[in-house]
Amino acid sequence: MSSFSFPRTFSLKSKKSIQAIFAQKKSISVYPIRFFYVMKEMEQSKFAFSVPKKNFKKATDRNLIKRRMREAFRLLRPEFQNAWAESPKQLEVFFIYTGKEIPDFTLCQMTMQALIHKMSKENFE
């Protein structure tokens, strides 16, 4: 399997896990994306992406933004996982788009890159 793939096993779907992520209140933000995370001992990391209905009424707009965020993350996932490769724990991450306009793909990619850099600086140095 390619290191750039994003199979369904990486999807965070458990309601309990998502509630635990928000209960921990650990987050990192680089406008227009914010992510909440928790480190756990588990086999692999899991990720979820969300766009608030409050900011984007049309489901097609929300889905477009989520697709762009997922694709940007998919391309940067090997770099993201290298940031905590030495740690025995894995991450559960919930990405939320906080902007008011529909972003282009390059903005999503640059923001994801900045989030990875910021997280590796804050937590693993």
PDB file of N, CA and C in Angstrom:
ATOM      1  N   MET A   1       0.838  -1.175   0.000  1.00  0.00           N
ATOM      2  CA  MET A   1       0.000   0.000   0.000  1.00  0.00           C
ATOM      3  C   MET A   1       0.889   1.247   0.000  1.00  0.00           C
ATOM      4  N   SER A   2       0.512   2.207  -0.746  1.00  0.00           N
ATOM      5  CA  SER A   2       1.265   3.443  -0.846  1.00  0.00           C
ATOM      6  C   SER A   2       1.211   4.215   0.478  1.00  0.00           C
ATOM      7  N   SER A   3       2.292   4.908   0.797  1.00  0.00           N
ATOM      8  CA  SER A   3       2.302   5.704   2.028  1.00  0.00           C
ATOM      9  C   SER A   3       1.422   6.951   1.900  1.00  0.00           C
ATOM     10  N   PHE A   4       0.952   7.238   0.686  1.00  0.00           N
ATOM     11  CA  PHE A   4       0.100   8.404   0.476  1.00  0.00           C
ATOM     12  C   PHE A   4      -1.384   8.063   0.475  1.00  0.00           C
ATOM     13  N   SER A   5      -1.726   6.802   0.700  1.00  0.00           N
ATOM     14  CA  SER A   5      -3.133   6.419   0.652  1.00  0.00           C
ATOM     15  C   SER A   5      -3.863   6.900   1.907  1.00  0.00           C
ATOM     16  N   PHE A   6      -5.173   6.888   1.850  1.00  0.00           N
ATOM     17  CA  PHE A   6      -5.995   7.259   2.997  1.00  0.00           C
ATOM     18  C   PHE A   6      -7.166   6.279   3.075  1.00  0.00           C
ATOM     19  N   PRO A   7      -6.901   5.051   3.549  1.00  0.00           N
ATOM     20  CA  PRO A   7      -7.970   4.053   3.604  1.00  0.00           C
ATOM     21  C   PRO A   7      -8.990   4.368   4.693  1.00  0.00           C
ATOM     22  N   ARG A   8     -10.116   3.682   4.650  1.00  0.00           N
ATOM     23  CA  ARG A   8     -11.194   3.900   5.617  1.00  0.00           C
ATOM     24  C   ARG A   8     -10.772   3.597   7.048  1.00  0.00           C
ATOM     25  N   THR A   9      -9.763   2.766   7.213  1.00  0.00           N
ATOM     26  CA  THR A   9      -9.322   2.419   8.573  1.00  0.00           C
ATOM     27  C   THR A   9      -8.735   3.623   9.295  1.00  0.00           C
ATOM     28  N   PHE A  10      -8.371   4.674   8.571  1.00  0.00           N
ATOM     29  CA  PHE A  10      -7.851   5.892   9.180  1.00  0.00           C
ATOM     30  C   PHE A  10      -8.966   6.850   9.606  1.00  0.00           C
ATOM     31  N   SER A  11     -10.208   6.528   9.250  1.00  0.00           N
ATOM     32  CA  SER A  11     -11.323   7.418   9.572  1.00  0.00           C
ATOM     33  C   SER A  11     -11.734   7.275  11.029  1.00  0.00           C
ATOM     34  N   LEU A  12     -11.939   8.395  11.665  1.00  0.00           N
ATOM     35  CA  LEU A  12     -12.393   8.445  13.053  1.00  0.00           C
ATOM     36  C   LEU A  12     -13.908   8.535  13.022  1.00  0.00           C
ATOM     37  N   LYS A  13     -14.592   7.495  13.520  1.00  0.00           N
ATOM     38  CA  LYS A  13     -16.047   7.459  13.434  1.00  0.00           C
ATOM     39  C   LYS A  13     -16.727   7.287  14.788  1.00  0.00           C
ATOM     40  N   SER A  14     -15.991   6.848  15.775  1.00  0.00           N
ATOM     41  CA  SER A  14     -16.566   6.537  17.080  1.00  0.00           C
ATOM     42  C   SER A  14     -17.025   7.805  17.805  1.00  0.00           C
ATOM     43  N   LYS A  15     -18.286   7.807  18.213  1.00  0.00           N
ATOM     44  CA  LYS A  15     -18.832   8.957  18.932  1.00  0.00           C
ATOM     45  C   LYS A  15     -18.100   9.164  20.256  1.00  0.00           C
ATOM     46  N   LYS A  16     -17.761   8.063  20.945  1.00  0.00           N
ATOM     47  CA  LYS A  16     -17.023   8.145  22.217  1.00  0.00           C
ATOM     48  C   LYS A  16     -15.660   8.793  22.010  1.00  0.00           C
ATOM     49  N   SER A  17     -14.967   8.393  20.970  1.00  0.00           N
ATOM     50  CA  SER A  17     -13.630   8.938  20.698  1.00  0.00           C
ATOM     51  C   SER A  17     -13.695  10.422  20.373  1.00  0.00           C
ATOM     52  N   ILE A  18     -14.690  10.800  19.594  1.00  0.00           N
ATOM     53  CA  ILE A  18     -14.835  12.211  19.221  1.00  0.00           C
ATOM     54  C   ILE A  18     -15.151  13.052  20.461  1.00  0.00           C
ATOM     55  N   GLN A  19     -16.016  12.555  21.334  1.00  0.00           N
ATOM     56  CA  GLN A  19     -16.327  13.278  22.568  1.00  0.00           C
ATOM     57  C   GLN A  19     -15.091  13.385  23.458  1.00  0.00           C
ATOM     58  N   ALA A  20     -14.275  12.326  23.483  1.00  0.00           N
ATOM     59  CA  ALA A  20     -13.046  12.348  24.290  1.00  0.00           C
ATOM     60  C   ALA A  20     -12.063  13.384  23.770  1.00  0.00           C
ATOM     61  N   ILE A  21     -12.009  13.537  22.452  1.00  0.00           N
ATOM     62  CA  ILE A  21     -11.108  14.529  21.848  1.00  0.00           C
ATOM     63  C   ILE A  21     -11.498  15.935  22.307  1.00  0.00           C
ATOM     64  N   PHE A  22     -12.780  16.245  22.253  1.00  0.00           N
ATOM     65  CA  PHE A  22     -13.223  17.580  22.648  1.00  0.00           C
ATOM     66  C   PHE A  22     -13.154  17.777  24.159  1.00  0.00           C
ATOM     67  N   ALA A  23     -13.255  16.709  24.927  1.00  0.00           N
ATOM     68  CA  ALA A  23     -13.138  16.812  26.385  1.00  0.00           C
ATOM     69  C   ALA A  23     -11.712  17.174  26.795  1.00  0.00           C
ATOM     70  N   GLN A  24     -10.717  16.684  26.047  1.00  0.00           N
ATOM     71  CA  GLN A  24      -9.312  16.974  26.350  1.00  0.00           C
ATOM     72  C   GLN A  24      -8.963  18.436  26.091  1.00  0.00           C
ATOM     73  N   LYS A  25      -9.626  19.053  25.139  1.00  0.00           N
ATOM     74  CA  LYS A  25      -9.441  20.468  24.787  1.00  0.00           C
ATOM     75  C   LYS A  25      -8.022  20.816  24.345  1.00  0.00           C
ATOM     76  N   LYS A  26      -7.327  19.870  23.746  1.00  0.00           N
ATOM     77  CA  LYS A  26      -6.020  20.166  23.157  1.00  0.00           C
ATOM     78  C   LYS A  26      -6.266  20.506  21.697  1.00  0.00           C
ATOM     79  N   SER A  27      -5.830  21.683  21.292  1.00  0.00           N
ATOM     80  CA  SER A  27      -6.046  22.056  19.899  1.00  0.00           C
ATOM     81  C   SER A  27      -4.909  22.931  19.395  1.00  0.00           C
ATOM     82  N   ILE A  28      -4.777  22.928  18.085  1.00  0.00           N
ATOM     83  CA  ILE A  28      -3.816  23.782  17.403  1.00  0.00           C
ATOM     84  C   ILE A  28      -4.569  24.420  16.248  1.00  0.00           C
ATOM     85  N   SER A  29      -4.321  25.690  16.029  1.00  0.00           N
ATOM     86  CA  SER A  29      -5.057  26.399  15.000  1.00  0.00           C
ATOM     87  C   SER A  29      -4.118  27.183  14.093  1.00  0.00           C
ATOM     88  N   VAL A  30      -4.343  27.048  12.813  1.00  0.00           N
ATOM     89  CA  VAL A  30      -3.724  27.885  11.791  1.00  0.00           C
ATOM     90  C   VAL A  30      -4.872  28.234  10.858  1.00  0.00           C
ATOM     91  N   TYR A  31      -5.228  29.503  10.817  1.00  0.00           N
ATOM     92  CA  TYR A  31      -6.407  29.915  10.061  1.00  0.00           C
ATOM     93  C   TYR A  31      -6.289  29.454   8.619  1.00  0.00           C
ATOM     94  N   PRO A  32      -7.291  28.841   8.067  1.00  0.00           N
ATOM     95  CA  PRO A  32      -8.665  28.625   8.487  1.00  0.00           C
ATOM     96  C   PRO A  32      -8.964  27.212   9.006  1.00  0.00           C
ATOM     97  N   ILE A  33      -7.971  26.463   9.447  1.00  0.00           N
ATOM     98  CA  ILE A  33      -8.222  25.110   9.952  1.00  0.00           C
ATOM     99  C   ILE A  33      -7.738  25.009  11.395  1.00  0.00           C
ATOM    100  N   ARG A  34      -8.539  24.344  12.190  1.00  0.00           N
ATOM    101  CA  ARG A  34      -8.179  24.086  13.585  1.00  0.00           C
ATOM    102  C   ARG A  34      -8.314  22.592  13.799  1.00  0.00           C
ATOM    103  N   PHE A  35      -7.400  22.025  14.555  1.00  0.00           N
ATOM    104  CA  PHE A  35      -7.606  20.621  14.863  1.00  0.00           C
ATOM    105  C   PHE A  35      -7.458  20.336  16.332  1.00  0.00           C
ATOM    106  N   PHE A  36      -8.343  19.458  16.785  1.00  0.00           N
ATOM    107  CA  PHE A  36      -8.348  18.976  18.153  1.00  0.00           C
ATOM    108  C   PHE A  36      -7.747  17.582  18.109  1.00  0.00           C
ATOM    109  N   TYR A  37      -6.992  17.228  19.140  1.00  0.00           N
ATOM    110  CA  TYR A  37      -6.337  15.927  19.105  1.00  0.00           C
ATOM    111  C   TYR A  37      -6.184  15.354  20.501  1.00  0.00           C
ATOM    112  N   VAL A  38      -5.969  14.055  20.534  1.00  0.00           N
ATOM    113  CA  VAL A  38      -5.654  13.342  21.762  1.00  0.00           C
ATOM    114  C   VAL A  38      -4.690  12.222  21.375  1.00  0.00           C
ATOM    115  N   MET A  39      -3.711  11.984  22.235  1.00  0.00           N
ATOM    116  CA  MET A  39      -2.766  10.891  21.994  1.00  0.00           C
ATOM    117  C   MET A  39      -3.204   9.684  22.810  1.00  0.00           C
ATOM    118  N   LYS A  40      -3.246   8.516  22.147  1.00  0.00           N
ATOM    119  CA  LYS A  40      -3.666   7.279  22.791  1.00  0.00           C
ATOM    120  C   LYS A  40      -2.747   6.148  22.382  1.00  0.00           C
ATOM    121  N   GLU A  41      -2.741   5.118  23.193  1.00  0.00           N
ATOM    122  CA  GLU A  41      -2.026   3.908  22.800  1.00  0.00           C
ATOM    123  C   GLU A  41      -2.981   3.072  21.969  1.00  0.00           C
ATOM    124  N   MET A  42      -2.707   3.002  20.675  1.00  0.00           N
ATOM    125  CA  MET A  42      -3.522   2.218  19.754  1.00  0.00           C
ATOM    126  C   MET A  42      -2.673   1.875  18.545  1.00  0.00           C
ATOM    127  N   GLU A  43      -3.229   1.079  17.643  1.00  0.00           N
ATOM    128  CA  GLU A  43      -2.460   0.584  16.506  1.00  0.00           C
ATOM    129  C   GLU A  43      -2.108   1.670  15.496  1.00  0.00           C
ATOM    130  N   GLN A  44      -3.092   2.473  15.124  1.00  0.00           N
ATOM    131  CA  GLN A  44      -2.842   3.508  14.121  1.00  0.00           C
ATOM    132  C   GLN A  44      -3.654   4.752  14.420  1.00  0.00           C
ATOM    133  N   SER A  45      -3.229   5.844  13.852  1.00  0.00           N
ATOM    134  CA  SER A  45      -3.914   7.114  14.054  1.00  0.00           C
ATOM    135  C   SER A  45      -5.213   7.146  13.269  1.00  0.00           C
ATOM    136  N   LYS A  46      -6.141   7.978  13.761  1.00  0.00           N
ATOM    137  CA  LYS A  46      -7.436   8.138  13.089  1.00  0.00           C
ATOM    138  C   LYS A  46      -7.741   9.623  12.963  1.00  0.00           C
ATOM    139  N   PHE A  47      -8.454   9.961  11.886  1.00  0.00           N
ATOM    140  CA  PHE A  47      -8.690  11.351  11.548  1.00  0.00           C
ATOM    141  C   PHE A  47     -10.139  11.571  11.124  1.00  0.00           C
ATOM    142  N   ALA A  48     -10.667  12.754  11.431  1.00  0.00           N
ATOM    143  CA  ALA A  48     -12.004  13.150  10.997  1.00  0.00           C
ATOM    144  C   ALA A  48     -11.940  14.604  10.528  1.00  0.00           C
ATOM    145  N   PHE A  49     -12.826  14.945   9.599  1.00  0.00           N
ATOM    146  CA  PHE A  49     -12.854  16.285   9.021  1.00  0.00           C
ATOM    147  C   PHE A  49     -14.273  16.821   9.108  1.00  0.00           C
ATOM    148  N   SER A  50     -14.400  18.112   9.455  1.00  0.00           N
ATOM    149  CA  SER A  50     -15.723  18.698   9.617  1.00  0.00           C
ATOM    150  C   SER A  50     -15.747  20.144   9.134  1.00  0.00           C
ATOM    151  N   VAL A  51     -16.898  20.539   8.612  1.00  0.00           N
ATOM    152  CA  VAL A  51     -17.139  21.923   8.208  1.00  0.00           C
ATOM    153  C   VAL A  51     -18.485  22.310   8.813  1.00  0.00           C
ATOM    154  N   PRO A  52     -18.549  23.391   9.596  1.00  0.00           N
ATOM    155  CA  PRO A  52     -19.803  23.730  10.268  1.00  0.00           C
ATOM    156  C   PRO A  52     -20.909  24.172   9.318  1.00  0.00           C
ATOM    157  N   LYS A  53     -22.092  23.678   9.598  1.00  0.00           N
ATOM    158  CA  LYS A  53     -23.276  24.042   8.816  1.00  0.00           C
ATOM    159  C   LYS A  53     -23.613  25.520   9.012  1.00  0.00           C
ATOM    160  N   LYS A  54     -23.215  26.065  10.135  1.00  0.00           N
ATOM    161  CA  LYS A  54     -23.464  27.473  10.443  1.00  0.00           C
ATOM    162  C   LYS A  54     -22.814  28.384   9.401  1.00  0.00           C
ATOM    163  N   ASN A  55     -21.615  28.021   8.930  1.00  0.00           N
ATOM    164  CA  ASN A  55     -20.887  28.853   7.976  1.00  0.00           C
ATOM    165  C   ASN A  55     -21.209  28.531   6.520  1.00  0.00           C
ATOM    166  N   PHE A  56     -21.574  27.279   6.241  1.00  0.00           N
ATOM    167  CA  PHE A  56     -21.854  26.854   4.867  1.00  0.00           C
ATOM    168  C   PHE A  56     -23.160  26.077   4.860  1.00  0.00           C
ATOM    169  N   LYS A  57     -24.221  26.706   4.378  1.00  0.00           N
ATOM    170  CA  LYS A  57     -25.549  26.112   4.415  1.00  0.00           C
ATOM    171  C   LYS A  57     -25.690  24.952   3.429  1.00  0.00           C
ATOM    172  N   LYS A  58     -25.022  25.041   2.283  1.00  0.00           N
ATOM    173  CA  LYS A  58     -25.169  24.008   1.262  1.00  0.00           C
ATOM    174  C   LYS A  58     -24.241  22.825   1.548  1.00  0.00           C
ATOM    175  N   ALA A  59     -24.822  21.637   1.523  1.00  0.00           N
ATOM    176  CA  ALA A  59     -24.038  20.424   1.779  1.00  0.00           C
ATOM    177  C   ALA A  59     -22.951  20.241   0.721  1.00  0.00           C
ATOM    178  N   THR A  60     -23.215  20.675  -0.499  1.00  0.00           N
ATOM    179  CA  THR A  60     -22.212  20.523  -1.554  1.00  0.00           C
ATOM    180  C   THR A  60     -20.967  21.351  -1.250  1.00  0.00           C
ATOM    181  N   ASP A  61     -21.157  22.532  -0.660  1.00  0.00           N
ATOM    182  CA  ASP A  61     -20.010  23.362  -0.276  1.00  0.00           C
ATOM    183  C   ASP A  61     -19.226  22.707   0.859  1.00  0.00           C
ATOM    184  N   ARG A  62     -19.943  22.191   1.863  1.00  0.00           N
ATOM    185  CA  ARG A  62     -19.279  21.523   2.985  1.00  0.00           C
ATOM    186  C   ARG A  62     -18.501  20.298   2.509  1.00  0.00           C
ATOM    187  N   ASN A  63     -19.110  19.535   1.626  1.00  0.00           N
ATOM    188  CA  ASN A  63     -18.437  18.336   1.108  1.00  0.00           C
ATOM    189  C   ASN A  63     -17.210  18.686   0.282  1.00  0.00           C
ATOM    190  N   LEU A  64     -17.286  19.741  -0.500  1.00  0.00           N
ATOM    191  CA  LEU A  64     -16.143  20.187  -1.299  1.00  0.00           C
ATOM    192  C   LEU A  64     -14.969  20.557  -0.394  1.00  0.00           C
ATOM    193  N   ILE A  65     -15.243  21.297   0.658  1.00  0.00           N
ATOM    194  CA  ILE A  65     -14.184  21.714   1.590  1.00  0.00           C
ATOM    195  C   ILE A  65     -13.589  20.495   2.290  1.00  0.00           C
ATOM    196  N   LYS A  66     -14.438  19.570   2.725  1.00  0.00           N
ATOM    197  CA  LYS A  66     -13.927  18.362   3.384  1.00  0.00           C
ATOM    198  C   LYS A  66     -13.070  17.537   2.436  1.00  0.00           C
ATOM    199  N   ARG A  67     -13.475  17.425   1.174  1.00  0.00           N
ATOM    200  CA  ARG A  67     -12.666  16.692   0.178  1.00  0.00           C
ATOM    201  C   ARG A  67     -11.310  17.348  -0.004  1.00  0.00           C
ATOM    202  N   ARG A  68     -11.286  18.664  -0.062  1.00  0.00           N
ATOM    203  CA  ARG A  68     -10.005  19.378  -0.228  1.00  0.00           C
ATOM    204  C   ARG A  68      -9.115  19.211   0.997  1.00  0.00           C
ATOM    205  N   MET A  69      -9.697  19.279   2.189  1.00  0.00           N
ATOM    206  CA  MET A  69      -8.893  19.086   3.400  1.00  0.00           C
ATOM    207  C   MET A  69      -8.350  17.660   3.466  1.00  0.00           C
ATOM    208  N   ARG A  70      -9.197  16.668   3.153  1.00  0.00           N
ATOM    209  CA  ARG A  70      -8.758  15.270   3.177  1.00  0.00           C
ATOM    210  C   ARG A  70      -7.638  15.020   2.175  1.00  0.00           C
ATOM    211  N   GLU A  71      -7.768  15.576   0.991  1.00  0.00           N
ATOM    212  CA  GLU A  71      -6.732  15.379  -0.039  1.00  0.00           C
ATOM    213  C   GLU A  71      -5.425  16.057   0.356  1.00  0.00           C
ATOM    214  N   ALA A  72      -5.509  17.263   0.897  1.00  0.00           N
ATOM    215  CA  ALA A  72      -4.297  17.958   1.352  1.00  0.00           C
ATOM    216  C   ALA A  72      -3.632  17.157   2.460  1.00  0.00           C
ATOM    217  N   PHE A  73      -4.429  16.633   3.375  1.00  0.00           N
ATOM    218  CA  PHE A  73      -3.866  15.837   4.462  1.00  0.00           C
ATOM    219  C   PHE A  73      -3.295  14.523   3.942  1.00  0.00           C
ATOM    220  N   ARG A  74      -3.996  13.894   3.010  1.00  0.00           N
ATOM    221  CA  ARG A  74      -3.546  12.620   2.452  1.00  0.00           C
ATOM    222  C   ARG A  74      -2.145  12.752   1.859  1.00  0.00           C
ATOM    223  N   LEU A  75      -1.898  13.844   1.166  1.00  0.00           N
ATOM    224  CA  LEU A  75      -0.590  14.057   0.548  1.00  0.00           C
ATOM    225  C   LEU A  75       0.499  14.341   1.581  1.00  0.00           C
ATOM    226  N   LEU A  76       0.115  14.912   2.708  1.00  0.00           N
ATOM    227  CA  LEU A  76       1.092  15.272   3.736  1.00  0.00           C
ATOM    228  C   LEU A  76       1.131  14.278   4.908  1.00  0.00           C
ATOM    229  N   ARG A  77       0.336  13.230   4.848  1.00  0.00           N
ATOM    230  CA  ARG A  77       0.256  12.279   5.956  1.00  0.00           C
ATOM    231  C   ARG A  77       1.584  11.638   6.333  1.00  0.00           C
ATOM    232  N   PRO A  78       2.430  11.217   5.391  1.00  0.00           N
ATOM    233  CA  PRO A  78       3.724  10.648   5.807  1.00  0.00           C
ATOM    234  C   PRO A  78       4.555  11.635   6.629  1.00  0.00           C
ATOM    235  N   GLU A  79       4.539  12.891   6.233  1.00  0.00           N
ATOM    236  CA  GLU A  79       5.255  13.927   6.990  1.00  0.00           C
ATOM    237  C   GLU A  79       4.618  14.125   8.362  1.00  0.00           C
ATOM    238  N   PHE A  80       3.301  14.084   8.413  1.00  0.00           N
ATOM    239  CA  PHE A  80       2.560  14.241   9.662  1.00  0.00           C
ATOM    240  C   PHE A  80       2.911  13.111  10.622  1.00  0.00           C
ATOM    241  N   GLN A  81       2.960  11.879  10.130  1.00  0.00           N
ATOM    242  CA  GLN A  81       3.265  10.742  10.995  1.00  0.00           C
ATOM    243  C   GLN A  81       4.726  10.729  11.427  1.00  0.00           C
ATOM    244  N   ASN A  82       5.619  11.281  10.625  1.00  0.00           N
ATOM    245  CA  ASN A  82       7.024  11.360  11.021  1.00  0.00           C
ATOM    246  C   ASN A  82       7.218  12.271  12.232  1.00  0.00           C
ATOM    247  N   ALA A  83       6.296  13.201  12.441  1.00  0.00           N
ATOM    248  CA  ALA A  83       6.407  14.136  13.561  1.00  0.00           C
ATOM    249  C   ALA A  83       6.310  13.422  14.908  1.00  0.00           C
ATOM    250  N   TRP A  84       5.602  12.305  14.963  1.00  0.00           N
ATOM    251  CA  TRP A  84       5.489  11.577  16.219  1.00  0.00           C
ATOM    252  C   TRP A  84       5.906  10.118  16.077  1.00  0.00           C
ATOM    253  N   ALA A  85       6.777   9.830  15.141  1.00  0.00           N
ATOM    254  CA  ALA A  85       7.213   8.454  14.876  1.00  0.00           C
ATOM    255  C   ALA A  85       7.902   7.815  16.079  1.00  0.00           C
ATOM    256  N   GLU A  86       8.605   8.595  16.875  1.00  0.00           N
ATOM    257  CA  GLU A  86       9.331   8.064  18.020  1.00  0.00           C
ATOM    258  C   GLU A  86       8.395   7.733  19.183  1.00  0.00           C
ATOM    259  N   SER A  87       7.226   8.294  19.202  1.00  0.00           N
ATOM    260  CA  SER A  87       6.292   8.118  20.307  1.00  0.00           C
ATOM    261  C   SER A  87       5.573   6.770  20.200  1.00  0.00           C
ATOM    262  N   PRO A  88       5.359   6.080  21.334  1.00  0.00           N
ATOM    263  CA  PRO A  88       4.619   4.817  21.292  1.00  0.00           C
ATOM    264  C   PRO A  88       3.116   5.026  21.115  1.00  0.00           C
ATOM    265  N   LYS A  89       2.664   6.251  21.278  1.00  0.00           N
ATOM    266  CA  LYS A  89       1.238   6.554  21.161  1.00  0.00           C
ATOM    267  C   LYS A  89       0.893   7.045  19.757  1.00  0.00           C
ATOM    268  N   GLN A  90      -0.369   6.953  19.421  1.00  0.00           N
ATOM    269  CA  GLN A  90      -0.876   7.425  18.140  1.00  0.00           C
ATOM    270  C   GLN A  90      -1.897   8.534  18.401  1.00  0.00           C
ATOM    271  N   LEU A  91      -2.273   9.225  17.345  1.00  0.00           N
ATOM    272  CA  LEU A  91      -3.186  10.363  17.480  1.00  0.00           C
ATOM    273  C   LEU A  91      -4.587  10.044  16.985  1.00  0.00           C
ATOM    274  N   GLU A  92      -5.564  10.673  17.634  1.00  0.00           N
ATOM    275  CA  GLU A  92      -6.906  10.789  17.098  1.00  0.00           C
ATOM    276  C   GLU A  92      -7.102  12.288  16.877  1.00  0.00           C
ATOM    277  N   VAL A  93      -7.386  12.661  15.640  1.00  0.00           N
ATOM    278  CA  VAL A  93      -7.418  14.076  15.264  1.00  0.00           C
ATOM    279  C   VAL A  93      -8.760  14.415  14.628  1.00  0.00           C
ATOM    280  N   PHE A  94      -9.298  15.574  14.991  1.00  0.00           N
ATOM    281  CA  PHE A  94     -10.547  16.070  14.426  1.00  0.00           C
ATOM    282  C   PHE A  94     -10.271  17.446  13.827  1.00  0.00           C
ATOM    283  N   PHE A  95     -10.265  17.541  12.502  1.00  0.00           N
ATOM    284  CA  PHE A  95     -10.013  18.799  11.792  1.00  0.00           C
ATOM    285  C   PHE A  95     -11.334  19.549  11.607  1.00  0.00           C
ATOM    286  N   ILE A  96     -11.321  20.853  11.872  1.00  0.00           N
ATOM    287  CA  ILE A  96     -12.501  21.686  11.659  1.00  0.00           C
ATOM    288  C   ILE A  96     -12.100  22.888  10.821  1.00  0.00           C
ATOM    289  N   TYR A  97     -12.856  23.128   9.763  1.00  0.00           N
ATOM    290  CA  TYR A  97     -12.623  24.298   8.923  1.00  0.00           C
ATOM    291  C   TYR A  97     -13.362  25.473   9.547  1.00  0.00           C
ATOM    292  N   THR A  98     -12.640  26.546   9.873  1.00  0.00           N
ATOM    293  CA  THR A  98     -13.247  27.680  10.570  1.00  0.00           C
ATOM    294  C   THR A  98     -13.433  28.916   9.699  1.00  0.00           C
ATOM    295  N   GLY A  99     -12.998  28.875   8.449  1.00  0.00           N
ATOM    296  CA  GLY A  99     -13.106  30.028   7.569  1.00  0.00           C
ATOM    297  C   GLY A  99     -14.531  30.274   7.107  1.00  0.00           C
ATOM    298  N   LYS A 100     -14.721  31.392   6.442  1.00  0.00           N
ATOM    299  CA  LYS A 100     -16.047  31.783   5.962  1.00  0.00           C
ATOM    300  C   LYS A 100     -16.194  31.634   4.445  1.00  0.00           C
ATOM    301  N   GLU A 101     -15.075  31.505   3.723  1.00  0.00           N
ATOM    302  CA  GLU A 101     -15.124  31.343   2.271  1.00  0.00           C
ATOM    303  C   GLU A 101     -14.623  29.954   1.885  1.00  0.00           C
ATOM    304  N   ILE A 102     -15.045  29.491   0.721  1.00  0.00           N
ATOM    305  CA  ILE A 102     -14.581  28.200   0.222  1.00  0.00           C
ATOM    306  C   ILE A 102     -13.120  28.351  -0.201  1.00  0.00           C
ATOM    307  N   PRO A 103     -12.221  27.550   0.396  1.00  0.00           N
ATOM    308  CA  PRO A 103     -10.796  27.694   0.079  1.00  0.00           C
ATOM    309  C   PRO A 103     -10.427  26.947  -1.197  1.00  0.00           C
ATOM    310  N   ASP A 104      -9.370  27.399  -1.848  1.00  0.00           N
ATOM    311  CA  ASP A 104      -8.851  26.608  -2.953  1.00  0.00           C
ATOM    312  C   ASP A 104      -7.908  25.553  -2.366  1.00  0.00           C
ATOM    313  N   PHE A 105      -7.518  24.605  -3.177  1.00  0.00           N
ATOM    314  CA  PHE A 105      -6.726  23.480  -2.683  1.00  0.00           C
ATOM    315  C   PHE A 105      -5.371  23.927  -2.142  1.00  0.00           C
ATOM    316  N   THR A 106      -4.736  24.896  -2.775  1.00  0.00           N
ATOM    317  CA  THR A 106      -3.409  25.319  -2.321  1.00  0.00           C
ATOM    318  C   THR A 106      -3.458  25.918  -0.914  1.00  0.00           C
ATOM    319  N   LEU A 107      -4.535  26.641  -0.593  1.00  0.00           N
ATOM    320  CA  LEU A 107      -4.691  27.184   0.760  1.00  0.00           C
ATOM    321  C   LEU A 107      -4.812  26.045   1.768  1.00  0.00           C
ATOM    322  N   CYS A 108      -5.604  25.030   1.443  1.00  0.00           N
ATOM    323  CA  CYS A 108      -5.740  23.873   2.338  1.00  0.00           C
ATOM    324  C   CYS A 108      -4.395  23.184   2.539  1.00  0.00           C
ATOM    325  N   GLN A 109      -3.652  23.038   1.463  1.00  0.00           N
ATOM    326  CA  GLN A 109      -2.365  22.357   1.550  1.00  0.00           C
ATOM    327  C   GLN A 109      -1.360  23.162   2.381  1.00  0.00           C
ATOM    328  N   MET A 110      -1.302  24.462   2.176  1.00  0.00           N
ATOM    329  CA  MET A 110      -0.385  25.306   2.943  1.00  0.00           C
ATOM    330  C   MET A 110      -0.768  25.319   4.423  1.00  0.00           C
ATOM    331  N   THR A 111      -2.057  25.353   4.708  1.00  0.00           N
ATOM    332  CA  THR A 111      -2.515  25.349   6.093  1.00  0.00           C
ATOM    333  C   THR A 111      -2.181  24.029   6.780  1.00  0.00           C
ATOM    334  N   MET A 112      -2.404  22.914   6.092  1.00  0.00           N
ATOM    335  CA  MET A 112      -2.058  21.604   6.659  1.00  0.00           C
ATOM    336  C   MET A 112      -0.558  21.518   6.938  1.00  0.00           C
ATOM    337  N   GLN A 113       0.242  22.037   6.014  1.00  0.00           N
ATOM    338  CA  GLN A 113       1.697  22.044   6.196  1.00  0.00           C
ATOM    339  C   GLN A 113       2.065  22.850   7.446  1.00  0.00           C
ATOM    340  N   ALA A 114       1.440  24.004   7.616  1.00  0.00           N
ATOM    341  CA  ALA A 114       1.708  24.850   8.781  1.00  0.00           C
ATOM    342  C   ALA A 114       1.258  24.165  10.072  1.00  0.00           C
ATOM    343  N   LEU A 115       0.133  23.459  10.042  1.00  0.00           N
ATOM    344  CA  LEU A 115      -0.342  22.730  11.219  1.00  0.00           C
ATOM    345  C   LEU A 115       0.642  21.635  11.622  1.00  0.00           C
ATOM    346  N   ILE A 116       1.149  20.915  10.650  1.00  0.00           N
ATOM    347  CA  ILE A 116       2.117  19.853  10.924  1.00  0.00           C
ATOM    348  C   ILE A 116       3.366  20.444  11.561  1.00  0.00           C
ATOM    349  N   HIS A 117       3.844  21.532  10.999  1.00  0.00           N
ATOM    350  CA  HIS A 117       5.049  22.174  11.521  1.00  0.00           C
ATOM    351  C   HIS A 117       4.808  22.669  12.949  1.00  0.00           C
ATOM    352  N   LYS A 118       3.671  23.310  13.171  1.00  0.00           N
ATOM    353  CA  LYS A 118       3.350  23.863  14.487  1.00  0.00           C
ATOM    354  C   LYS A 118       3.197  22.748  15.522  1.00  0.00           C
ATOM    355  N   MET A 119       2.566  21.657  15.137  1.00  0.00           N
ATOM    356  CA  MET A 119       2.378  20.563  16.073  1.00  0.00           C
ATOM    357  C   MET A 119       3.697  19.900  16.431  1.00  0.00           C
ATOM    358  N   SER A 120       4.538  19.678  15.457  1.00  0.00           N
ATOM    359  CA  SER A 120       5.820  19.028  15.745  1.00  0.00           C
ATOM    360  C   SER A 120       6.687  19.914  16.636  1.00  0.00           C
ATOM    361  N   LYS A 121       6.577  21.232  16.478  1.00  0.00           N
ATOM    362  CA  LYS A 121       7.336  22.162  17.324  1.00  0.00           C
ATOM    363  C   LYS A 121       6.815  22.150  18.759  1.00  0.00           C
ATOM    364  N   GLU A 122       5.504  22.212  18.916  1.00  0.00           N
ATOM    365  CA  GLU A 122       4.904  22.325  20.243  1.00  0.00           C
ATOM    366  C   GLU A 122       5.012  21.058  21.062  1.00  0.00           C
ATOM    367  N   ASN A 123       4.844  19.903  20.434  1.00  0.00           N
ATOM    368  CA  ASN A 123       4.694  18.684  21.207  1.00  0.00           C
ATOM    369  C   ASN A 123       5.874  17.742  21.224  1.00  0.00           C
ATOM    370  N   PHE A 124       6.761  17.855  20.280  1.00  0.00           N
ATOM    371  CA  PHE A 124       7.774  16.817  20.168  1.00  0.00           C
ATOM    372  C   PHE A 124       9.196  17.346  20.199  1.00  0.00           C
ATOM    373  N   GLU A 125       9.394  18.594  20.567  1.00  0.00           N
ATOM    374  CA  GLU A 125      10.765  19.113  20.660  1.00  0.00           C
ATOM    375  C   GLU A 125      11.137  19.338  22.093  1.00  0.00           C
TER     376      GLU A 125
END
